[in-house]
PDB file of N, CA and C in Angstrom:
ATOM      1  N   UNK A   1    -135.247  60.288 -16.477  1.00  0.00           N
ATOM      2  CA  UNK A   1    -136.281  59.315 -16.826  1.00  0.00           C
ATOM      3  C   UNK A   1    -135.630  57.927 -16.859  1.00  0.00           C
ATOM      4  N   UNK A   2    -136.259  56.964 -16.209  1.00  0.00           N
ATOM      5  CA  UNK A   2    -135.707  55.603 -16.209  1.00  0.00           C
ATOM      6  C   UNK A   2    -135.662  55.009 -17.622  1.00  0.00           C
ATOM      7  N   UNK A   3    -134.724  54.131 -17.830  1.00  0.00           N
ATOM      8  CA  UNK A   3    -134.548  53.492 -19.139  1.00  0.00           C
ATOM      9  C   UNK A   3    -135.814  52.757 -19.562  1.00  0.00           C
ATOM     10  N   UNK A   4    -136.443  52.061 -18.623  1.00  0.00           N
ATOM     11  CA  UNK A   4    -137.662  51.310 -18.951  1.00  0.00           C
ATOM     12  C   UNK A   4    -138.778  52.242 -19.408  1.00  0.00           C
ATOM     13  N   UNK A   5    -138.849  53.419 -18.808  1.00  0.00           N
ATOM     14  CA  UNK A   5    -139.870  54.395 -19.201  1.00  0.00           C
ATOM     15  C   UNK A   5    -139.618  54.893 -20.625  1.00  0.00           C
ATOM     16  N   UNK A   6    -138.356  55.150 -20.949  1.00  0.00           N
ATOM     17  CA  UNK A   6    -138.020  55.583 -22.316  1.00  0.00           C
ATOM     18  C   UNK A   6    -138.356  54.490 -23.318  1.00  0.00           C
ATOM     19  N   UNK A   7    -138.042  53.241 -22.960  1.00  0.00           N
ATOM     20  CA  UNK A   7    -138.355  52.121 -23.852  1.00  0.00           C
ATOM     21  C   UNK A   7    -139.863  52.009 -24.050  1.00  0.00           C
ATOM     22  N   UNK A   8    -140.613  52.185 -22.979  1.00  0.00           N
ATOM     23  CA  UNK A   8    -142.074  52.119 -23.043  1.00  0.00           C
ATOM     24  C   UNK A   8    -142.621  53.209 -23.971  1.00  0.00           C
ATOM     25  N   UNK A   9    -142.142  54.435 -23.810  1.00  0.00           N
ATOM     26  CA  UNK A   9    -142.627  55.541 -24.637  1.00  0.00           C
ATOM     27  C   UNK A   9    -142.256  55.356 -26.103  1.00  0.00           C
ATOM     28  N   UNK A  10    -141.052  54.879 -26.357  1.00  0.00           N
ATOM     29  CA  UNK A  10    -140.641  54.609 -27.734  1.00  0.00           C
ATOM     30  C   UNK A  10    -141.525  53.530 -28.359  1.00  0.00           C
ATOM     31  N   UNK A  11    -141.793  52.480 -27.603  1.00  0.00           N
ATOM     32  CA  UNK A  11    -142.636  51.399 -28.113  1.00  0.00           C
ATOM     33  C   UNK A  11    -144.048  51.899 -28.403  1.00  0.00           C
ATOM     34  N   UNK A  12    -144.568  52.778 -27.563  1.00  0.00           N
ATOM     35  CA  UNK A  12    -145.899  53.340 -27.818  1.00  0.00           C
ATOM     36  C   UNK A  12    -145.913  54.169 -29.100  1.00  0.00           C
ATOM     37  N   UNK A  13    -144.854  54.930 -29.339  1.00  0.00           N
ATOM     38  CA  UNK A  13    -144.774  55.710 -30.579  1.00  0.00           C
ATOM     39  C   UNK A  13    -144.755  54.801 -31.806  1.00  0.00           C
ATOM     40  N   UNK A  14    -143.985  53.728 -31.724  1.00  0.00           N
ATOM     41  CA  UNK A  14    -143.938  52.794 -32.845  1.00  0.00           C
ATOM     42  C   UNK A  14    -145.295  52.142 -33.064  1.00  0.00           C
ATOM     43  N   UNK A  15    -145.983  51.780 -31.983  1.00  0.00           N
ATOM     44  CA  UNK A  15    -147.320  51.195 -32.117  1.00  0.00           C
ATOM     45  C   UNK A  15    -148.260  52.174 -32.809  1.00  0.00           C
ATOM     46  N   UNK A  16    -148.180  53.436 -32.418  1.00  0.00           N
ATOM     47  CA  UNK A  16    -149.029  54.467 -33.015  1.00  0.00           C
ATOM     48  C   UNK A  16    -148.771  54.581 -34.516  1.00  0.00           C
ATOM     49  N   UNK A  17    -147.506  54.629 -34.897  1.00  0.00           N
ATOM     50  CA  UNK A  17    -147.150  54.709 -36.326  1.00  0.00           C
ATOM     51  C   UNK A  17    -147.593  53.461 -37.070  1.00  0.00           C
ATOM     52  N   UNK A  18    -147.440  52.315 -36.443  1.00  0.00           N
ATOM     53  CA  UNK A  18    -147.834  51.053 -37.063  1.00  0.00           C
ATOM     54  C   UNK A  18    -149.332  51.056 -37.350  1.00  0.00           C
ATOM     55  N   UNK A  19    -150.112  51.568 -36.389  1.00  0.00           N
ATOM     56  CA  UNK A  19    -151.564  51.603 -36.572  1.00  0.00           C
ATOM     57  C   UNK A  19    -151.948  52.531 -37.714  1.00  0.00           C
ATOM     58  N   UNK A  20    -151.253  53.645 -37.855  1.00  0.00           N
ATOM     59  CA  UNK A  20    -151.560  54.612 -38.911  1.00  0.00           C
ATOM     60  C   UNK A  20    -151.181  54.053 -40.279  1.00  0.00           C
ATOM     61  N   UNK A  21    -150.051  53.363 -40.350  1.00  0.00           N
ATOM     62  CA  UNK A  21    -149.518  52.908 -41.637  1.00  0.00           C
ATOM     63  C   UNK A  21    -150.175  51.622 -42.145  1.00  0.00           C
ATOM     64  N   UNK A  22    -150.779  50.861 -41.258  1.00  0.00           N
ATOM     65  CA  UNK A  22    -151.327  49.565 -41.666  1.00  0.00           C
ATOM     66  C   UNK A  22    -152.761  49.408 -41.191  1.00  0.00           C
ATOM     67  N   UNK A  23    -153.474  48.560 -41.873  1.00  0.00           N
ATOM     68  CA  UNK A  23    -154.827  48.219 -41.448  1.00  0.00           C
ATOM     69  C   UNK A  23    -154.705  47.056 -40.465  1.00  0.00           C
ATOM     70  N   UNK A  24    -154.961  47.333 -39.209  1.00  0.00           N
ATOM     71  CA  UNK A  24    -154.774  46.329 -38.166  1.00  0.00           C
ATOM     72  C   UNK A  24    -155.985  45.400 -38.115  1.00  0.00           C
ATOM     73  N   UNK A  25    -155.735  44.133 -38.340  1.00  0.00           N
ATOM     74  CA  UNK A  25    -156.789  43.133 -38.260  1.00  0.00           C
ATOM     75  C   UNK A  25    -156.810  42.454 -36.890  1.00  0.00           C
ATOM     76  N   UNK A  26    -155.642  42.261 -36.331  1.00  0.00           N
ATOM     77  CA  UNK A  26    -155.520  41.563 -35.053  1.00  0.00           C
ATOM     78  C   UNK A  26    -154.831  42.469 -34.038  1.00  0.00           C
ATOM     79  N   UNK A  27    -155.448  42.713 -32.890  1.00  0.00           N
ATOM     80  CA  UNK A  27    -154.796  43.532 -31.860  1.00  0.00           C
ATOM     81  C   UNK A  27    -153.470  42.937 -31.380  1.00  0.00           C
ATOM     82  N   UNK A  28    -153.325  41.631 -31.538  1.00  0.00           N
ATOM     83  CA  UNK A  28    -152.084  40.982 -31.110  1.00  0.00           C
ATOM     84  C   UNK A  28    -150.881  41.525 -31.886  1.00  0.00           C
ATOM     85  N   UNK A  29    -151.115  42.003 -33.113  1.00  0.00           N
ATOM     86  CA  UNK A  29    -150.024  42.584 -33.903  1.00  0.00           C
ATOM     87  C   UNK A  29    -149.405  43.771 -33.170  1.00  0.00           C
ATOM     88  N   UNK A  30    -150.237  44.568 -32.523  1.00  0.00           N
ATOM     89  CA  UNK A  30    -149.731  45.728 -31.788  1.00  0.00           C
ATOM     90  C   UNK A  30    -148.906  45.299 -30.586  1.00  0.00           C
ATOM     91  N   UNK A  31    -149.328  44.249 -29.931  1.00  0.00           N
ATOM     92  CA  UNK A  31    -148.579  43.735 -28.781  1.00  0.00           C
ATOM     93  C   UNK A  31    -147.211  43.241 -29.234  1.00  0.00           C
ATOM     94  N   UNK A  32    -147.170  42.572 -30.364  1.00  0.00           N
ATOM     95  CA  UNK A  32    -145.900  42.073 -30.905  1.00  0.00           C
ATOM     96  C   UNK A  32    -144.975  43.238 -31.234  1.00  0.00           C
ATOM     97  N   UNK A  33    -145.511  44.276 -31.875  1.00  0.00           N
ATOM     98  CA  UNK A  33    -144.712  45.457 -32.213  1.00  0.00           C
ATOM     99  C   UNK A  33    -144.168  46.092 -30.933  1.00  0.00           C
ATOM    100  N   UNK A  34    -145.027  46.255 -29.940  1.00  0.00           N
ATOM    101  CA  UNK A  34    -144.607  46.870 -28.678  1.00  0.00           C
ATOM    102  C   UNK A  34    -143.476  46.070 -28.031  1.00  0.00           C
ATOM    103  N   UNK A  35    -143.674  44.779 -27.889  1.00  0.00           N
ATOM    104  CA  UNK A  35    -142.666  43.935 -27.234  1.00  0.00           C
ATOM    105  C   UNK A  35    -141.345  43.954 -27.984  1.00  0.00           C
ATOM    106  N   UNK A  36    -141.412  43.931 -29.301  1.00  0.00           N
ATOM    107  CA  UNK A  36    -140.192  43.910 -30.110  1.00  0.00           C
ATOM    108  C   UNK A  36    -139.410  45.213 -29.957  1.00  0.00           C
ATOM    109  N   UNK A  37    -140.094  46.337 -30.065  1.00  0.00           N
ATOM    110  CA  UNK A  37    -139.423  47.634 -29.936  1.00  0.00           C
ATOM    111  C   UNK A  37    -138.858  47.799 -28.525  1.00  0.00           C
ATOM    112  N   UNK A  38    -139.639  47.437 -27.529  1.00  0.00           N
ATOM    113  CA  UNK A  38    -139.208  47.571 -26.130  1.00  0.00           C
ATOM    114  C   UNK A  38    -137.954  46.743 -25.871  1.00  0.00           C
ATOM    115  N   UNK A  39    -137.979  45.486 -26.269  1.00  0.00           N
ATOM    116  CA  UNK A  39    -136.824  44.619 -26.014  1.00  0.00           C
ATOM    117  C   UNK A  39    -135.619  45.019 -26.860  1.00  0.00           C
ATOM    118  N   UNK A  40    -135.839  45.434 -28.101  1.00  0.00           N
ATOM    119  CA  UNK A  40    -134.725  45.880 -28.950  1.00  0.00           C
ATOM    120  C   UNK A  40    -134.046  47.115 -28.365  1.00  0.00           C
ATOM    121  N   UNK A  41    -134.841  48.039 -27.851  1.00  0.00           N
ATOM    122  CA  UNK A  41    -134.279  49.257 -27.266  1.00  0.00           C
ATOM    123  C   UNK A  41    -133.412  48.921 -26.055  1.00  0.00           C
ATOM    124  N   UNK A  42    -133.919  48.088 -25.169  1.00  0.00           N
ATOM    125  CA  UNK A  42    -133.141  47.721 -23.983  1.00  0.00           C
ATOM    126  C   UNK A  42    -131.893  46.937 -24.365  1.00  0.00           C
ATOM    127  N   UNK A  43    -131.996  46.097 -25.378  1.00  0.00           N
ATOM    128  CA  UNK A  43    -130.835  45.331 -25.840  1.00  0.00           C
ATOM    129  C   UNK A  43    -129.764  46.266 -26.403  1.00  0.00           C
ATOM    130  N   UNK A  44    -130.173  47.248 -27.187  1.00  0.00           N
ATOM    131  CA  UNK A  44    -129.214  48.202 -27.751  1.00  0.00           C
ATOM    132  C   UNK A  44    -128.504  48.990 -26.646  1.00  0.00           C
ATOM    133  N   UNK A  45    -129.237  49.374 -25.629  1.00  0.00           N
ATOM    134  CA  UNK A  45    -128.625  50.112 -24.526  1.00  0.00           C
ATOM    135  C   UNK A  45    -127.629  49.251 -23.759  1.00  0.00           C
ATOM    136  N   UNK A  46    -127.939  47.986 -23.606  1.00  0.00           N
ATOM    137  CA  UNK A  46    -127.030  47.106 -22.863  1.00  0.00           C
ATOM    138  C   UNK A  46    -125.737  46.853 -23.633  1.00  0.00           C
ATOM    139  N   UNK A  47    -125.783  46.973 -24.949  1.00  0.00           N
ATOM    140  CA  UNK A  47    -124.576  46.795 -25.768  1.00  0.00           C
ATOM    141  C   UNK A  47    -123.629  47.976 -25.630  1.00  0.00           C
ATOM    142  N   UNK A  48    -124.193  49.146 -25.387  1.00  0.00           N
ATOM    143  CA  UNK A  48    -123.368  50.372 -25.299  1.00  0.00           C
ATOM    144  C   UNK A  48    -122.891  50.542 -23.922  1.00  0.00           C
TER     145      UNK A  48
END
């Protein structure tokens, strides 16, 4: 599985958990969570 695909799936899982744990008022919050998790995952991989 490509690294980008793994990052995408991880970000989707985090978005799902975020939606369950919080009352989402703005859909933009989910986009921010997705982008942050996706970029953090790729950054961590590039460090290793």
